[in-house]
């Protein structure tokens, strides 16, 4: 789901979670571009997160973190 598309029944999270995930990934040497590679998000989402972030997009990034052994 593209980050700017709102779907009925979608759930959203605070952008703070995305910032924490981004900062943690960078502290482990994971490039921001790599973090979003399996999601429909673009780099701008990590640089300047909107007020609401799709839970789906966040989960895709979180799944990446788990599969790479970051978390």
N, C-alpha and C. Protein backbone atom coordinates (compact mmCIF):
# COMPACT_ATOMS: atom_id res chain seq x y z
N UNK A 1 0.85 -1.17 0.00
CA UNK A 1 0.00 0.00 0.00
C UNK A 1 0.90 1.23 0.00
N UNK A 2 0.72 2.12 -0.96
CA UNK A 2 1.51 3.35 -0.97
C UNK A 2 1.26 4.16 0.30
N UNK A 3 2.30 4.80 0.85
CA UNK A 3 2.15 5.50 2.13
C UNK A 3 1.16 6.65 2.10
N UNK A 4 0.88 7.23 0.93
CA UNK A 4 -0.02 8.37 0.86
C UNK A 4 -1.46 7.96 0.52
N UNK A 5 -1.71 6.67 0.43
CA UNK A 5 -3.05 6.19 0.10
C UNK A 5 -3.75 5.73 1.38
N UNK A 6 -4.92 6.27 1.63
CA UNK A 6 -5.68 5.91 2.83
C UNK A 6 -6.77 4.93 2.43
N UNK A 7 -6.79 3.79 3.09
CA UNK A 7 -7.76 2.75 2.81
C UNK A 7 -8.68 2.63 4.02
N UNK A 8 -9.97 2.48 3.77
CA UNK A 8 -10.93 2.35 4.85
C UNK A 8 -10.52 1.17 5.74
N UNK A 9 -10.51 1.40 7.04
CA UNK A 9 -10.13 0.36 7.98
C UNK A 9 -8.62 0.28 8.23
N UNK A 10 -7.85 1.16 7.62
CA UNK A 10 -6.41 1.16 7.83
C UNK A 10 -6.10 1.61 9.25
N UNK A 11 -4.98 1.14 9.75
CA UNK A 11 -4.52 1.57 11.07
C UNK A 11 -3.21 2.32 10.88
N UNK A 12 -3.01 3.29 11.76
CA UNK A 12 -1.83 4.13 11.65
C UNK A 12 -1.08 4.17 12.97
N UNK A 13 0.19 4.52 12.89
CA UNK A 13 1.03 4.65 14.07
C UNK A 13 1.63 6.04 14.11
N UNK A 14 2.17 6.38 15.24
CA UNK A 14 2.86 7.65 15.40
C UNK A 14 4.15 7.63 14.59
N UNK A 15 4.54 8.75 14.01
CA UNK A 15 5.79 8.79 13.27
C UNK A 15 7.01 8.56 14.16
N UNK A 16 6.85 8.71 15.46
CA UNK A 16 7.98 8.48 16.38
C UNK A 16 8.52 7.06 16.25
N UNK A 17 7.64 6.08 16.05
CA UNK A 17 8.08 4.70 15.91
C UNK A 17 8.97 4.54 14.68
N UNK A 18 8.61 5.21 13.62
CA UNK A 18 9.40 5.15 12.39
C UNK A 18 10.76 5.80 12.59
N UNK A 19 10.78 6.90 13.30
CA UNK A 19 12.05 7.59 13.59
C UNK A 19 12.95 6.69 14.43
N UNK A 20 12.38 6.04 15.44
CA UNK A 20 13.17 5.14 16.29
C UNK A 20 13.73 3.97 15.49
N UNK A 21 12.90 3.38 14.63
CA UNK A 21 13.35 2.27 13.80
C UNK A 21 14.46 2.72 12.86
N UNK A 22 14.28 3.87 12.24
CA UNK A 22 15.30 4.41 11.33
C UNK A 22 16.61 4.65 12.06
N UNK A 23 16.54 5.29 13.21
CA UNK A 23 17.76 5.60 13.96
C UNK A 23 18.46 4.34 14.44
N UNK A 24 17.67 3.36 14.88
CA UNK A 24 18.26 2.11 15.33
C UNK A 24 18.95 1.40 14.17
N UNK A 25 18.28 1.36 13.01
CA UNK A 25 18.88 0.72 11.84
C UNK A 25 20.18 1.41 11.45
N UNK A 26 20.17 2.72 11.44
CA UNK A 26 21.39 3.45 11.08
C UNK A 26 22.51 3.19 12.09
N UNK A 27 22.16 3.05 13.37
CA UNK A 27 23.18 2.78 14.39
C UNK A 27 23.80 1.40 14.21
N UNK A 28 23.09 0.51 13.53
CA UNK A 28 23.60 -0.84 13.26
C UNK A 28 24.24 -0.95 11.88
N UNK A 29 24.36 0.19 11.19
CA UNK A 29 25.01 0.20 9.88
C UNK A 29 24.11 -0.16 8.72
N UNK A 30 22.80 -0.16 8.94
CA UNK A 30 21.84 -0.45 7.87
C UNK A 30 21.42 0.87 7.24
N UNK A 31 21.62 1.00 5.95
CA UNK A 31 21.26 2.23 5.24
C UNK A 31 19.74 2.40 5.20
N UNK A 32 19.30 3.63 5.25
CA UNK A 32 17.87 3.92 5.20
C UNK A 32 17.24 3.35 3.92
N UNK A 33 17.96 3.44 2.83
CA UNK A 33 17.46 2.93 1.55
C UNK A 33 17.23 1.42 1.62
N UNK A 34 18.10 0.73 2.31
CA UNK A 34 17.97 -0.72 2.49
C UNK A 34 16.76 -1.03 3.37
N UNK A 35 16.53 -0.23 4.36
CA UNK A 35 15.42 -0.44 5.29
C UNK A 35 14.07 -0.41 4.58
N UNK A 36 13.94 0.42 3.56
CA UNK A 36 12.65 0.56 2.87
C UNK A 36 12.55 -0.26 1.59
N UNK A 37 13.57 -1.03 1.27
CA UNK A 37 13.61 -1.70 -0.03
C UNK A 37 12.45 -2.65 -0.29
N UNK A 38 11.87 -3.26 0.70
CA UNK A 38 10.76 -4.20 0.49
C UNK A 38 9.39 -3.59 0.78
N UNK A 39 9.35 -2.28 0.92
CA UNK A 39 8.08 -1.61 1.17
C UNK A 39 7.78 -0.69 -0.01
N UNK A 40 6.59 -0.15 -0.02
CA UNK A 40 6.21 0.80 -1.07
C UNK A 40 6.59 2.22 -0.68
N UNK A 41 7.29 2.37 0.42
CA UNK A 41 7.66 3.69 0.91
C UNK A 41 8.85 4.24 0.13
N UNK A 42 8.95 5.56 0.13
CA UNK A 42 10.13 6.17 -0.46
C UNK A 42 11.00 6.75 0.66
N UNK A 43 12.18 7.16 0.29
CA UNK A 43 13.15 7.65 1.27
C UNK A 43 12.62 8.85 2.06
N UNK A 44 11.79 9.65 1.43
CA UNK A 44 11.24 10.83 2.09
C UNK A 44 10.44 10.46 3.35
N UNK A 45 9.83 9.28 3.34
CA UNK A 45 9.06 8.84 4.50
C UNK A 45 9.96 8.72 5.74
N UNK A 46 11.20 8.27 5.54
CA UNK A 46 12.13 8.15 6.67
C UNK A 46 12.76 9.48 7.05
N UNK A 47 12.95 10.33 6.07
CA UNK A 47 13.60 11.61 6.34
C UNK A 47 12.67 12.60 7.02
N UNK A 48 11.41 12.58 6.62
CA UNK A 48 10.43 13.51 7.16
C UNK A 48 9.08 12.78 7.29
N UNK A 49 8.92 11.95 8.33
CA UNK A 49 7.70 11.16 8.45
C UNK A 49 6.45 12.03 8.59
N UNK A 50 5.35 11.60 7.98
CA UNK A 50 4.08 12.34 8.11
C UNK A 50 3.52 12.15 9.52
N UNK A 51 2.42 12.83 9.81
CA UNK A 51 1.81 12.74 11.14
C UNK A 51 1.28 11.34 11.43
N UNK A 52 0.91 10.62 10.40
CA UNK A 52 0.43 9.25 10.55
C UNK A 52 1.18 8.36 9.57
N UNK A 53 1.61 7.21 10.06
CA UNK A 53 2.32 6.25 9.22
C UNK A 53 1.49 4.98 9.18
N UNK A 54 1.30 4.44 8.00
CA UNK A 54 0.53 3.22 7.84
C UNK A 54 1.18 2.09 8.64
N UNK A 55 0.36 1.38 9.39
CA UNK A 55 0.88 0.25 10.17
C UNK A 55 1.49 -0.80 9.24
N UNK A 56 0.90 -0.97 8.07
CA UNK A 56 1.40 -1.93 7.10
C UNK A 56 2.83 -1.59 6.66
N UNK A 57 3.07 -0.34 6.35
CA UNK A 57 4.41 0.09 5.94
C UNK A 57 5.40 -0.12 7.07
N UNK A 58 5.02 0.24 8.28
CA UNK A 58 5.91 0.06 9.43
C UNK A 58 6.22 -1.42 9.65
N UNK A 59 5.22 -2.28 9.51
CA UNK A 59 5.44 -3.72 9.69
C UNK A 59 6.41 -4.27 8.65
N UNK A 60 6.30 -3.79 7.41
CA UNK A 60 7.22 -4.24 6.37
C UNK A 60 8.66 -3.88 6.74
N UNK A 61 8.86 -2.71 7.26
CA UNK A 61 10.20 -2.29 7.68
C UNK A 61 10.64 -3.07 8.91
N UNK A 62 9.72 -3.32 9.83
CA UNK A 62 10.04 -4.09 11.02
C UNK A 62 10.38 -5.53 10.69
N UNK A 63 9.68 -6.11 9.72
CA UNK A 63 9.98 -7.47 9.29
C UNK A 63 11.39 -7.55 8.73
N UNK A 64 11.78 -6.51 8.02
CA UNK A 64 13.15 -6.45 7.50
C UNK A 64 14.14 -6.47 8.65
N UNK A 65 13.86 -5.70 9.68
CA UNK A 65 14.75 -5.60 10.83
C UNK A 65 14.91 -6.95 11.52
N UNK A 66 13.81 -7.67 11.65
CA UNK A 66 13.85 -8.98 12.32
C UNK A 66 14.60 -9.98 11.46
N UNK A 67 14.33 -9.98 10.15
CA UNK A 67 14.98 -10.96 9.27
C UNK A 67 16.49 -10.73 9.17
N UNK A 68 16.94 -9.51 9.37
CA UNK A 68 18.37 -9.20 9.33
C UNK A 68 19.03 -9.34 10.70
N UNK A 69 18.25 -9.75 11.70
CA UNK A 69 18.80 -9.95 13.04
C UNK A 69 19.08 -8.68 13.80
N UNK A 70 18.43 -7.59 13.42
CA UNK A 70 18.63 -6.31 14.12
C UNK A 70 17.90 -6.29 15.45
N UNK A 71 16.77 -6.97 15.50
CA UNK A 71 15.95 -6.93 16.72
C UNK A 71 15.92 -8.33 17.32
